[in-house]
All heavy atoms as atom14 arrays in JSON, in Angstrom:
{
  "sequence": "ADVVDPTAQSDDSAGHSGDSTPDVPVQQSAAATSAPVPQRQQPDRPS",
  "atom14_mask": [
    [1, 1, 1, 1, 1, 0, 0, 0, 0, 0, 0, 0, 0, 0],
    [1, 1, 1, 1, 1, 1, 1, 1, 0, 0, 0, 0, 0, 0],
    [1, 1, 1, 1, 1, 1, 1, 0, 0, 0, 0, 0, 0, 0],
    [1, 1, 1, 1, 1, 1, 1, 0, 0, 0, 0, 0, 0, 0],
    [1, 1, 1, 1, 1, 1, 1, 1, 0, 0, 0, 0, 0, 0],
    [1, 1, 1, 1, 1, 1, 1, 0, 0, 0, 0, 0, 0, 0],
    [1, 1, 1, 1, 1, 1, 1, 0, 0, 0, 0, 0, 0, 0],
    [1, 1, 1, 1, 1, 0, 0, 0, 0, 0, 0, 0, 0, 0],
    [1, 1, 1, 1, 1, 1, 1, 1, 1, 0, 0, 0, 0, 0],
    [1, 1, 1, 1, 1, 1, 0, 0, 0, 0, 0, 0, 0, 0],
    [1, 1, 1, 1, 1, 1, 1, 1, 0, 0, 0, 0, 0, 0],
    [1, 1, 1, 1, 1, 1, 1, 1, 0, 0, 0, 0, 0, 0],
    [1, 1, 1, 1, 1, 1, 0, 0, 0, 0, 0, 0, 0, 0],
    [1, 1, 1, 1, 1, 0, 0, 0, 0, 0, 0, 0, 0, 0],
    [1, 1, 1, 1, 0, 0, 0, 0, 0, 0, 0, 0, 0, 0],
    [1, 1, 1, 1, 1, 1, 1, 1, 1, 1, 0, 0, 0, 0],
    [1, 1, 1, 1, 1, 1, 0, 0, 0, 0, 0, 0, 0, 0],
    [1, 1, 1, 1, 0, 0, 0, 0, 0, 0, 0, 0, 0, 0],
    [1, 1, 1, 1, 1, 1, 1, 1, 0, 0, 0, 0, 0, 0],
    [1, 1, 1, 1, 1, 1, 0, 0, 0, 0, 0, 0, 0, 0],
    [1, 1, 1, 1, 1, 1, 1, 0, 0, 0, 0, 0, 0, 0],
    [1, 1, 1, 1, 1, 1, 1, 0, 0, 0, 0, 0, 0, 0],
    [1, 1, 1, 1, 1, 1, 1, 1, 0, 0, 0, 0, 0, 0],
    [1, 1, 1, 1, 1, 1, 1, 0, 0, 0, 0, 0, 0, 0],
    [1, 1, 1, 1, 1, 1, 1, 0, 0, 0, 0, 0, 0, 0],
    [1, 1, 1, 1, 1, 1, 1, 0, 0, 0, 0, 0, 0, 0],
    [1, 1, 1, 1, 1, 1, 1, 1, 1, 0, 0, 0, 0, 0],
    [1, 1, 1, 1, 1, 1, 1, 1, 1, 0, 0, 0, 0, 0],
    [1, 1, 1, 1, 1, 1, 0, 0, 0, 0, 0, 0, 0, 0],
    [1, 1, 1, 1, 1, 0, 0, 0, 0, 0, 0, 0, 0, 0],
    [1, 1, 1, 1, 1, 0, 0, 0, 0, 0, 0, 0, 0, 0],
    [1, 1, 1, 1, 1, 0, 0, 0, 0, 0, 0, 0, 0, 0],
    [1, 1, 1, 1, 1, 1, 1, 0, 0, 0, 0, 0, 0, 0],
    [1, 1, 1, 1, 1, 1, 0, 0, 0, 0, 0, 0, 0, 0],
    [1, 1, 1, 1, 1, 0, 0, 0, 0, 0, 0, 0, 0, 0],
    [1, 1, 1, 1, 1, 1, 1, 0, 0, 0, 0, 0, 0, 0],
    [1, 1, 1, 1, 1, 1, 1, 0, 0, 0, 0, 0, 0, 0],
    [1, 1, 1, 1, 1, 1, 1, 0, 0, 0, 0, 0, 0, 0],
    [1, 1, 1, 1, 1, 1, 1, 1, 1, 0, 0, 0, 0, 0],
    [1, 1, 1, 1, 1, 1, 1, 1, 1, 1, 1, 0, 0, 0],
    [1, 1, 1, 1, 1, 1, 1, 1, 1, 0, 0, 0, 0, 0],
    [1, 1, 1, 1, 1, 1, 1, 1, 1, 0, 0, 0, 0, 0],
    [1, 1, 1, 1, 1, 1, 1, 0, 0, 0, 0, 0, 0, 0],
    [1, 1, 1, 1, 1, 1, 1, 1, 0, 0, 0, 0, 0, 0],
    [1, 1, 1, 1, 1, 1, 1, 1, 1, 1, 1, 0, 0, 0],
    [1, 1, 1, 1, 1, 1, 1, 0, 0, 0, 0, 0, 0, 0],
    [1, 1, 1, 1, 1, 1, 0, 0, 0, 0, 0, 0, 0, 0]
  ],
  "atom14_positions": [
    [[-13.79, 51.88, -49.02], [-14.85, 52.88, -49.06], [-16.12, 52.38, -49.79], [-17.19, 52.84, -49.47], [-14.32, 54.12, -49.81], [0.0, 0.0, 0.0], [0.0, 0.0, 0.0], [0.0, 0.0, 0.0], [0.0, 0.0, 0.0], [0.0, 0.0, 0.0], [0.0, 0.0, 0.0], [0.0, 0.0, 0.0], [0.0, 0.0, 0.0], [0.0, 0.0, 0.0]],
    [[-15.99, 51.47, -50.67], [-17.11, 50.95, -51.38], [-17.96, 49.98, -50.61], [-19.2, 49.93, -50.76], [-16.68, 50.3, -52.67], [-16.15, 51.3, -53.66], [-16.46, 52.48, -53.5], [-15.42, 50.9, -54.6], [0.0, 0.0, 0.0], [0.0, 0.0, 0.0], [0.0, 0.0, 0.0], [0.0, 0.0, 0.0], [0.0, 0.0, 0.0], [0.0, 0.0, 0.0]],
    [[-17.36, 49.17, -49.7], [-18.08, 48.11, -49.06], [-18.19, 48.31, -47.54], [-18.9, 47.57, -46.87], [-17.46, 46.73, -49.34], [-17.44, 46.45, -50.8], [-16.05, 46.7, -48.79], [0.0, 0.0, 0.0], [0.0, 0.0, 0.0], [0.0, 0.0, 0.0], [0.0, 0.0, 0.0], [0.0, 0.0, 0.0], [0.0, 0.0, 0.0], [0.0, 0.0, 0.0]],
    [[-17.53, 49.26, -46.97], [-17.49, 49.4, -45.55], [-17.72, 50.85, -45.17], [-17.17, 51.74, -45.78], [-16.12, 48.89, -44.95], [-16.04, 49.12, -43.46], [-15.94, 47.44, -45.3], [0.0, 0.0, 0.0], [0.0, 0.0, 0.0], [0.0, 0.0, 0.0], [0.0, 0.0, 0.0], [0.0, 0.0, 0.0], [0.0, 0.0, 0.0], [0.0, 0.0, 0.0]],
    [[-18.47, 51.07, -44.11], [-18.55, 52.39, -43.5], [-17.41, 52.54, -42.54], [-17.37, 51.85, -41.5], [-19.88, 52.52, -42.77], [-20.08, 53.93, -42.19], [-19.18, 54.74, -42.39], [-21.11, 54.15, -41.55], [0.0, 0.0, 0.0], [0.0, 0.0, 0.0], [0.0, 0.0, 0.0], [0.0, 0.0, 0.0], [0.0, 0.0, 0.0], [0.0, 0.0, 0.0]],
    [[-16.49, 53.4, -42.76], [-15.28, 53.47, -41.92], [-15.61, 53.89, -40.5], [-14.79, 53.67, -39.61], [-14.38, 54.47, -42.64], [-15.29, 55.27, -43.48], [-16.39, 54.39, -43.88], [0.0, 0.0, 0.0], [0.0, 0.0, 0.0], [0.0, 0.0, 0.0], [0.0, 0.0, 0.0], [0.0, 0.0, 0.0], [0.0, 0.0, 0.0], [0.0, 0.0, 0.0]],
    [[-16.78, 54.48, -40.23], [-17.11, 54.88, -38.87], [-17.89, 53.83, -38.08], [-18.15, 53.99, -36.91], [-17.97, 56.17, -38.93], [-19.19, 55.91, -39.67], [-17.2, 57.3, -39.64], [0.0, 0.0, 0.0], [0.0, 0.0, 0.0], [0.0, 0.0, 0.0], [0.0, 0.0, 0.0], [0.0, 0.0, 0.0], [0.0, 0.0, 0.0], [0.0, 0.0, 0.0]],
    [[-18.26, 52.76, -38.82], [-19.07, 51.7, -38.16], [-18.16, 50.77, -37.38], [-17.02, 50.53, -37.82], [-19.86, 50.92, -39.17], [0.0, 0.0, 0.0], [0.0, 0.0, 0.0], [0.0, 0.0, 0.0], [0.0, 0.0, 0.0], [0.0, 0.0, 0.0], [0.0, 0.0, 0.0], [0.0, 0.0, 0.0], [0.0, 0.0, 0.0], [0.0, 0.0, 0.0]],
    [[-18.65, 50.25, -36.21], [-17.9, 49.31, -35.41], [-18.75, 48.09, -35.18], [-19.97, 48.19, -35.0], [-17.56, 49.93, -34.05], [-16.61, 51.13, -34.14], [-16.25, 51.66, -32.78], [-16.59, 51.07, -31.77], [-15.54, 52.79, -32.78], [0.0, 0.0, 0.0], [0.0, 0.0, 0.0], [0.0, 0.0, 0.0], [0.0, 0.0, 0.0], [0.0, 0.0, 0.0]],
    [[-18.18, 46.91, -35.23], [-18.93, 45.69, -34.96], [-19.11, 45.5, -33.47], [-18.43, 46.11, -32.63], [-18.17, 44.5, -35.58], [-16.9, 44.4, -35.0], [0.0, 0.0, 0.0], [0.0, 0.0, 0.0], [0.0, 0.0, 0.0], [0.0, 0.0, 0.0], [0.0, 0.0, 0.0], [0.0, 0.0, 0.0], [0.0, 0.0, 0.0], [0.0, 0.0, 0.0]],
    [[-20.08, 44.61, -33.1], [-20.35, 44.43, -31.68], [-19.18, 43.79, -30.96], [-18.96, 44.05, -29.75], [-21.59, 43.48, -31.55], [-22.84, 44.19, -32.07], [-22.83, 45.45, -32.16], [-23.78, 43.5, -32.47], [0.0, 0.0, 0.0], [0.0, 0.0, 0.0], [0.0, 0.0, 0.0], [0.0, 0.0, 0.0], [0.0, 0.0, 0.0], [0.0, 0.0, 0.0]],
    [[-18.43, 42.96, -31.6], [-17.3, 42.29, -30.94], [-15.98, 42.84, -31.36], [-15.0, 42.13, -31.44], [-17.37, 40.8, -31.22], [-17.41, 40.5, -32.71], [-17.54, 41.49, -33.48], [-17.28, 39.3, -33.09], [0.0, 0.0, 0.0], [0.0, 0.0, 0.0], [0.0, 0.0, 0.0], [0.0, 0.0, 0.0], [0.0, 0.0, 0.0], [0.0, 0.0, 0.0]],
    [[-15.96, 44.17, -31.66], [-14.68, 44.75, -32.11], [-13.65, 44.82, -31.02], [-12.47, 44.87, -31.22], [-14.93, 46.14, -32.73], [-15.51, 46.99, -31.74], [0.0, 0.0, 0.0], [0.0, 0.0, 0.0], [0.0, 0.0, 0.0], [0.0, 0.0, 0.0], [0.0, 0.0, 0.0], [0.0, 0.0, 0.0], [0.0, 0.0, 0.0], [0.0, 0.0, 0.0]],
    [[-14.14, 44.9, -29.74], [-13.18, 45.0, -28.64], [-12.81, 43.62, -28.19], [-13.37, 43.05, -27.23], [-13.78, 45.83, -27.49], [0.0, 0.0, 0.0], [0.0, 0.0, 0.0], [0.0, 0.0, 0.0], [0.0, 0.0, 0.0], [0.0, 0.0, 0.0], [0.0, 0.0, 0.0], [0.0, 0.0, 0.0], [0.0, 0.0, 0.0], [0.0, 0.0, 0.0]],
    [[-11.93, 42.98, -28.77], [-11.45, 41.68, -28.38], [-12.21, 40.53, -29.02], [-12.62, 39.6, -28.37], [0.0, 0.0, 0.0], [0.0, 0.0, 0.0], [0.0, 0.0, 0.0], [0.0, 0.0, 0.0], [0.0, 0.0, 0.0], [0.0, 0.0, 0.0], [0.0, 0.0, 0.0], [0.0, 0.0, 0.0], [0.0, 0.0, 0.0], [0.0, 0.0, 0.0]],
    [[-12.49, 40.61, -30.29], [-13.18, 39.54, -30.99], [-12.23, 38.37, -31.23], [-11.05, 38.51, -31.53], [-13.63, 40.09, -32.38], [-14.16, 39.02, -33.28], [-15.38, 38.47, -33.06], [-13.63, 38.41, -34.36], [-15.61, 37.55, -34.01], [-14.54, 37.51, -34.78], [0.0, 0.0, 0.0], [0.0, 0.0, 0.0], [0.0, 0.0, 0.0], [0.0, 0.0, 0.0]],
    [[-12.78, 37.15, -30.98], [-12.03, 35.95, -31.2], [-12.93, 34.87, -31.72], [-14.15, 34.92, -31.47], [-11.29, 35.5, -29.93], [-12.24, 35.12, -28.94], [0.0, 0.0, 0.0], [0.0, 0.0, 0.0], [0.0, 0.0, 0.0], [0.0, 0.0, 0.0], [0.0, 0.0, 0.0], [0.0, 0.0, 0.0], [0.0, 0.0, 0.0], [0.0, 0.0, 0.0]],
    [[-12.41, 33.94, -32.39], [-13.2, 32.84, -32.94], [-12.71, 32.43, -34.28], [-11.88, 33.13, -34.86], [0.0, 0.0, 0.0], [0.0, 0.0, 0.0], [0.0, 0.0, 0.0], [0.0, 0.0, 0.0], [0.0, 0.0, 0.0], [0.0, 0.0, 0.0], [0.0, 0.0, 0.0], [0.0, 0.0, 0.0], [0.0, 0.0, 0.0], [0.0, 0.0, 0.0]],
    [[-13.23, 31.26, -34.69], [-12.73, 30.75, -35.97], [-13.81, 30.76, -37.02], [-13.7, 30.12, -38.03], [-12.18, 29.34, -35.79], [-13.2, 28.42, -35.11], [-14.31, 28.92, -34.81], [-12.88, 27.26, -34.93], [0.0, 0.0, 0.0], [0.0, 0.0, 0.0], [0.0, 0.0, 0.0], [0.0, 0.0, 0.0], [0.0, 0.0, 0.0], [0.0, 0.0, 0.0]],
    [[-14.87, 31.51, -36.77], [-15.91, 31.66, -37.79], [-15.57, 32.76, -38.77], [-15.0, 33.77, -38.37], [-17.3, 31.94, -37.15], [-17.19, 33.12, -36.42], [0.0, 0.0, 0.0], [0.0, 0.0, 0.0], [0.0, 0.0, 0.0], [0.0, 0.0, 0.0], [0.0, 0.0, 0.0], [0.0, 0.0, 0.0], [0.0, 0.0, 0.0], [0.0, 0.0, 0.0]],
    [[-15.93, 32.53, -39.98], [-15.62, 33.53, -41.03], [-16.76, 34.45, -41.2], [-17.93, 34.03, -41.31], [-15.31, 32.84, -42.36], [-14.27, 31.89, -42.16], [-14.97, 33.83, -43.42], [0.0, 0.0, 0.0], [0.0, 0.0, 0.0], [0.0, 0.0, 0.0], [0.0, 0.0, 0.0], [0.0, 0.0, 0.0], [0.0, 0.0, 0.0], [0.0, 0.0, 0.0]],
    [[-16.61, 35.81, -41.21], [-17.69, 36.74, -41.35], [-18.36, 36.5, -42.68], [-17.77, 36.15, -43.68], [-17.0, 38.12, -41.31], [-15.7, 37.88, -40.64], [-15.31, 36.5, -41.01], [0.0, 0.0, 0.0], [0.0, 0.0, 0.0], [0.0, 0.0, 0.0], [0.0, 0.0, 0.0], [0.0, 0.0, 0.0], [0.0, 0.0, 0.0], [0.0, 0.0, 0.0]],
    [[-19.7, 36.72, -42.68], [-20.51, 36.58, -43.89], [-20.36, 37.79, -44.83], [-20.77, 37.71, -45.98], [-21.97, 36.32, -43.54], [-22.16, 35.02, -42.83], [-21.33, 34.11, -43.07], [-23.1, 34.95, -42.03], [0.0, 0.0, 0.0], [0.0, 0.0, 0.0], [0.0, 0.0, 0.0], [0.0, 0.0, 0.0], [0.0, 0.0, 0.0], [0.0, 0.0, 0.0]],
    [[-19.9, 38.92, -44.25], [-19.75, 40.15, -45.04], [-18.27, 40.44, -45.18], [-17.46, 39.94, -44.43], [-20.47, 41.34, -44.34], [-21.98, 41.06, -44.27], [-19.94, 41.54, -42.91], [0.0, 0.0, 0.0], [0.0, 0.0, 0.0], [0.0, 0.0, 0.0], [0.0, 0.0, 0.0], [0.0, 0.0, 0.0], [0.0, 0.0, 0.0], [0.0, 0.0, 0.0]],
    [[-17.93, 41.32, -46.09], [-16.5, 41.7, -46.21], [-15.96, 42.22, -44.94], [-16.65, 42.8, -44.12], [-16.52, 42.75, -47.3], [-17.73, 42.49, -48.11], [-18.74, 41.94, -47.15], [0.0, 0.0, 0.0], [0.0, 0.0, 0.0], [0.0, 0.0, 0.0], [0.0, 0.0, 0.0], [0.0, 0.0, 0.0], [0.0, 0.0, 0.0], [0.0, 0.0, 0.0]],
    [[-14.65, 42.0, -44.76], [-14.0, 42.35, -43.5], [-14.21, 43.83, -43.22], [-13.89, 44.68, -44.06], [-12.51, 42.01, -43.56], [-11.8, 42.38, -42.28], [-12.34, 40.51, -43.85], [0.0, 0.0, 0.0], [0.0, 0.0, 0.0], [0.0, 0.0, 0.0], [0.0, 0.0, 0.0], [0.0, 0.0, 0.0], [0.0, 0.0, 0.0], [0.0, 0.0, 0.0]],
    [[-14.65, 44.18, -42.01], [-14.83, 45.54, -41.57], [-13.6, 45.99, -40.79], [-12.93, 45.22, -40.14], [-16.07, 45.68, -40.72], [-17.35, 45.31, -41.46], [-18.6, 45.46, -40.59], [-18.44, 45.67, -39.39], [-19.76, 45.36, -41.18], [0.0, 0.0, 0.0], [0.0, 0.0, 0.0], [0.0, 0.0, 0.0], [0.0, 0.0, 0.0], [0.0, 0.0, 0.0]],
    [[-13.44, 47.31, -40.74], [-12.34, 47.9, -39.96], [-12.74, 47.88, -38.49], [-13.85, 48.28, -38.14], [-12.08, 49.3, -40.4], [-11.4, 49.38, -41.77], [-11.11, 50.81, -42.14], [-11.96, 51.66, -41.97], [-9.92, 51.06, -42.65], [0.0, 0.0, 0.0], [0.0, 0.0, 0.0], [0.0, 0.0, 0.0], [0.0, 0.0, 0.0], [0.0, 0.0, 0.0]],
    [[-11.82, 47.42, -37.69], [-12.03, 47.48, -36.23], [-11.71, 48.87, -35.74], [-11.26, 49.75, -36.44], [-11.13, 46.43, -35.56], [-9.8, 46.76, -35.77], [0.0, 0.0, 0.0], [0.0, 0.0, 0.0], [0.0, 0.0, 0.0], [0.0, 0.0, 0.0], [0.0, 0.0, 0.0], [0.0, 0.0, 0.0], [0.0, 0.0, 0.0], [0.0, 0.0, 0.0]],
    [[-12.0, 49.02, -34.41], [-11.68, 50.33, -33.82], [-10.21, 50.66, -33.9], [-9.82, 51.81, -34.08], [-12.17, 50.3, -32.33], [0.0, 0.0, 0.0], [0.0, 0.0, 0.0], [0.0, 0.0, 0.0], [0.0, 0.0, 0.0], [0.0, 0.0, 0.0], [0.0, 0.0, 0.0], [0.0, 0.0, 0.0], [0.0, 0.0, 0.0], [0.0, 0.0, 0.0]],
    [[-9.37, 49.62, -33.75], [-7.92, 49.83, -33.88], [-7.57, 50.21, -35.29], [-6.68, 51.02, -35.49], [-7.16, 48.59, -33.4], [0.0, 0.0, 0.0], [0.0, 0.0, 0.0], [0.0, 0.0, 0.0], [0.0, 0.0, 0.0], [0.0, 0.0, 0.0], [0.0, 0.0, 0.0], [0.0, 0.0, 0.0], [0.0, 0.0, 0.0], [0.0, 0.0, 0.0]],
    [[-8.25, 49.62, -36.25], [-7.93, 49.89, -37.62], [-8.29, 51.29, -38.05], [-7.66, 51.91, -38.9], [-8.63, 48.9, -38.56], [0.0, 0.0, 0.0], [0.0, 0.0, 0.0], [0.0, 0.0, 0.0], [0.0, 0.0, 0.0], [0.0, 0.0, 0.0], [0.0, 0.0, 0.0], [0.0, 0.0, 0.0], [0.0, 0.0, 0.0], [0.0, 0.0, 0.0]],
    [[-9.38, 51.85, -37.44], [-9.8, 53.18, -37.79], [-8.75, 54.22, -37.35], [-8.71, 55.3, -37.92], [-11.14, 53.5, -37.14], [-11.04, 53.34, -35.73], [-12.22, 52.58, -37.67], [0.0, 0.0, 0.0], [0.0, 0.0, 0.0], [0.0, 0.0, 0.0], [0.0, 0.0, 0.0], [0.0, 0.0, 0.0], [0.0, 0.0, 0.0], [0.0, 0.0, 0.0]],
    [[-7.97, 53.88, -36.31], [-6.97, 54.85, -35.88], [-5.68, 54.72, -36.67], [-4.82, 55.56, -36.58], [-6.67, 54.63, -34.39], [-6.15, 53.31, -34.2], [0.0, 0.0, 0.0], [0.0, 0.0, 0.0], [0.0, 0.0, 0.0], [0.0, 0.0, 0.0], [0.0, 0.0, 0.0], [0.0, 0.0, 0.0], [0.0, 0.0, 0.0], [0.0, 0.0, 0.0]],
    [[-5.54, 53.62, -37.43], [-4.31, 53.43, -38.23], [-4.35, 54.32, -39.47], [-5.42, 54.56, -40.01], [-4.17, 51.99, -38.66], [0.0, 0.0, 0.0], [0.0, 0.0, 0.0], [0.0, 0.0, 0.0], [0.0, 0.0, 0.0], [0.0, 0.0, 0.0], [0.0, 0.0, 0.0], [0.0, 0.0, 0.0], [0.0, 0.0, 0.0], [0.0, 0.0, 0.0]],
    [[-3.22, 54.81, -39.91], [-3.23, 55.68, -41.08], [-3.56, 54.92, -42.36], [-3.05, 53.82, -42.58], [-1.77, 56.18, -41.14], [-0.98, 55.16, -40.44], [-1.86, 54.62, -39.33], [0.0, 0.0, 0.0], [0.0, 0.0, 0.0], [0.0, 0.0, 0.0], [0.0, 0.0, 0.0], [0.0, 0.0, 0.0], [0.0, 0.0, 0.0], [0.0, 0.0, 0.0]],
    [[-4.52, 55.42, -43.07], [-4.95, 54.78, -44.31], [-4.39, 55.57, -45.46], [-4.58, 56.79, -45.54], [-6.5, 54.78, -44.38], [-6.94, 54.09, -45.69], [-7.07, 54.02, -43.18], [0.0, 0.0, 0.0], [0.0, 0.0, 0.0], [0.0, 0.0, 0.0], [0.0, 0.0, 0.0], [0.0, 0.0, 0.0], [0.0, 0.0, 0.0], [0.0, 0.0, 0.0]],
    [[-3.68, 54.91, -46.32], [-3.08, 55.67, -47.5], [-4.17, 56.29, -48.34], [-5.16, 55.62, -48.68], [-2.31, 54.59, -48.26], [-2.95, 53.3, -47.85], [-3.41, 53.47, -46.42], [0.0, 0.0, 0.0], [0.0, 0.0, 0.0], [0.0, 0.0, 0.0], [0.0, 0.0, 0.0], [0.0, 0.0, 0.0], [0.0, 0.0, 0.0], [0.0, 0.0, 0.0]],
    [[-4.0, 57.54, -48.61], [-4.95, 58.27, -49.4], [-4.61, 58.14, -50.86], [-3.47, 58.12, -51.29], [-4.94, 59.79, -49.01], [-5.25, 60.04, -47.56], [-6.72, 59.67, -47.25], [-7.58, 59.86, -48.12], [-6.98, 59.21, -46.03], [0.0, 0.0, 0.0], [0.0, 0.0, 0.0], [0.0, 0.0, 0.0], [0.0, 0.0, 0.0], [0.0, 0.0, 0.0]],
    [[-5.66, 58.03, -51.7], [-5.48, 57.95, -53.13], [-5.09, 59.31, -53.68], [-5.78, 60.3, -53.36], [-6.73, 57.45, -53.79], [-6.6, 57.26, -55.28], [-7.89, 56.89, -55.88], [-7.78, 56.72, -57.34], [-8.81, 56.58, -58.13], [-10.05, 56.62, -57.66], [-8.62, 56.43, -59.43], [0.0, 0.0, 0.0], [0.0, 0.0, 0.0], [0.0, 0.0, 0.0]],
    [[-4.06, 59.37, -54.4], [-3.57, 60.66, -54.96], [-4.51, 61.11, -56.07], [-4.75, 60.39, -57.05], [-2.16, 60.54, -55.5], [-1.61, 61.88, -55.99], [-0.18, 61.71, -56.43], [0.37, 60.63, -56.43], [0.43, 62.82, -56.79], [0.0, 0.0, 0.0], [0.0, 0.0, 0.0], [0.0, 0.0, 0.0], [0.0, 0.0, 0.0], [0.0, 0.0, 0.0]],
    [[-5.11, 62.28, -55.87], [-6.03, 62.81, -56.86], [-5.28, 63.45, -58.02], [-4.25, 64.08, -57.8], [-6.94, 63.85, -56.22], [-7.81, 63.27, -55.11], [-8.85, 62.25, -55.63], [-9.19, 62.35, -56.77], [-9.23, 61.33, -54.75], [0.0, 0.0, 0.0], [0.0, 0.0, 0.0], [0.0, 0.0, 0.0], [0.0, 0.0, 0.0], [0.0, 0.0, 0.0]],
    [[-5.71, 63.26, -59.2], [-5.02, 63.88, -60.37], [-5.18, 65.4, -60.31], [-6.14, 65.94, -59.77], [-5.75, 63.28, -61.56], [-7.12, 62.91, -61.08], [-6.91, 62.46, -59.63], [0.0, 0.0, 0.0], [0.0, 0.0, 0.0], [0.0, 0.0, 0.0], [0.0, 0.0, 0.0], [0.0, 0.0, 0.0], [0.0, 0.0, 0.0], [0.0, 0.0, 0.0]],
    [[-4.15, 66.05, -60.85], [-4.19, 67.52, -60.87], [-5.33, 67.99, -61.7], [-5.53, 67.51, -62.85], [-2.84, 68.05, -61.45], [-1.67, 67.7, -60.53], [-1.92, 67.47, -59.36], [-0.54, 67.65, -61.04], [0.0, 0.0, 0.0], [0.0, 0.0, 0.0], [0.0, 0.0, 0.0], [0.0, 0.0, 0.0], [0.0, 0.0, 0.0], [0.0, 0.0, 0.0]],
    [[-6.09, 68.88, -61.17], [-7.25, 69.44, -61.86], [-6.9, 70.85, -62.36], [-6.27, 71.6, -61.63], [-8.46, 69.49, -60.98], [-8.8, 68.15, -60.32], [-9.98, 68.24, -59.45], [-11.15, 67.64, -60.02], [-12.36, 67.68, -59.43], [-12.49, 68.26, -58.29], [-13.4, 67.09, -60.02], [0.0, 0.0, 0.0], [0.0, 0.0, 0.0], [0.0, 0.0, 0.0]],
    [[-7.32, 71.15, -63.49], [-6.98, 72.52, -64.03], [-7.73, 73.54, -63.2], [-8.87, 73.35, -62.73], [-7.51, 72.47, -65.45], [-8.48, 71.37, -65.48], [-8.03, 70.36, -64.47], [0.0, 0.0, 0.0], [0.0, 0.0, 0.0], [0.0, 0.0, 0.0], [0.0, 0.0, 0.0], [0.0, 0.0, 0.0], [0.0, 0.0, 0.0], [0.0, 0.0, 0.0]],
    [[-7.06, 74.64, -62.97], [-7.67, 75.71, -62.2], [-8.69, 76.42, -63.05], [-8.81, 76.23, -64.27], [-6.58, 76.73, -61.8], [-5.97, 77.33, -62.92], [0.0, 0.0, 0.0], [0.0, 0.0, 0.0], [0.0, 0.0, 0.0], [0.0, 0.0, 0.0], [0.0, 0.0, 0.0], [0.0, 0.0, 0.0], [0.0, 0.0, 0.0], [0.0, 0.0, 0.0]]
  ]
}
């Protein structure tokens, strides 16, 4: 959440291949956005 926009997709997300390393932190692909992402458990807040 801090370094990636989860709704953004890269240009070569549909079948990207190659041995070059991205200059930016790894982004979620279209397939990754559909995978369940564990949610951080929020502490109980007083009512």
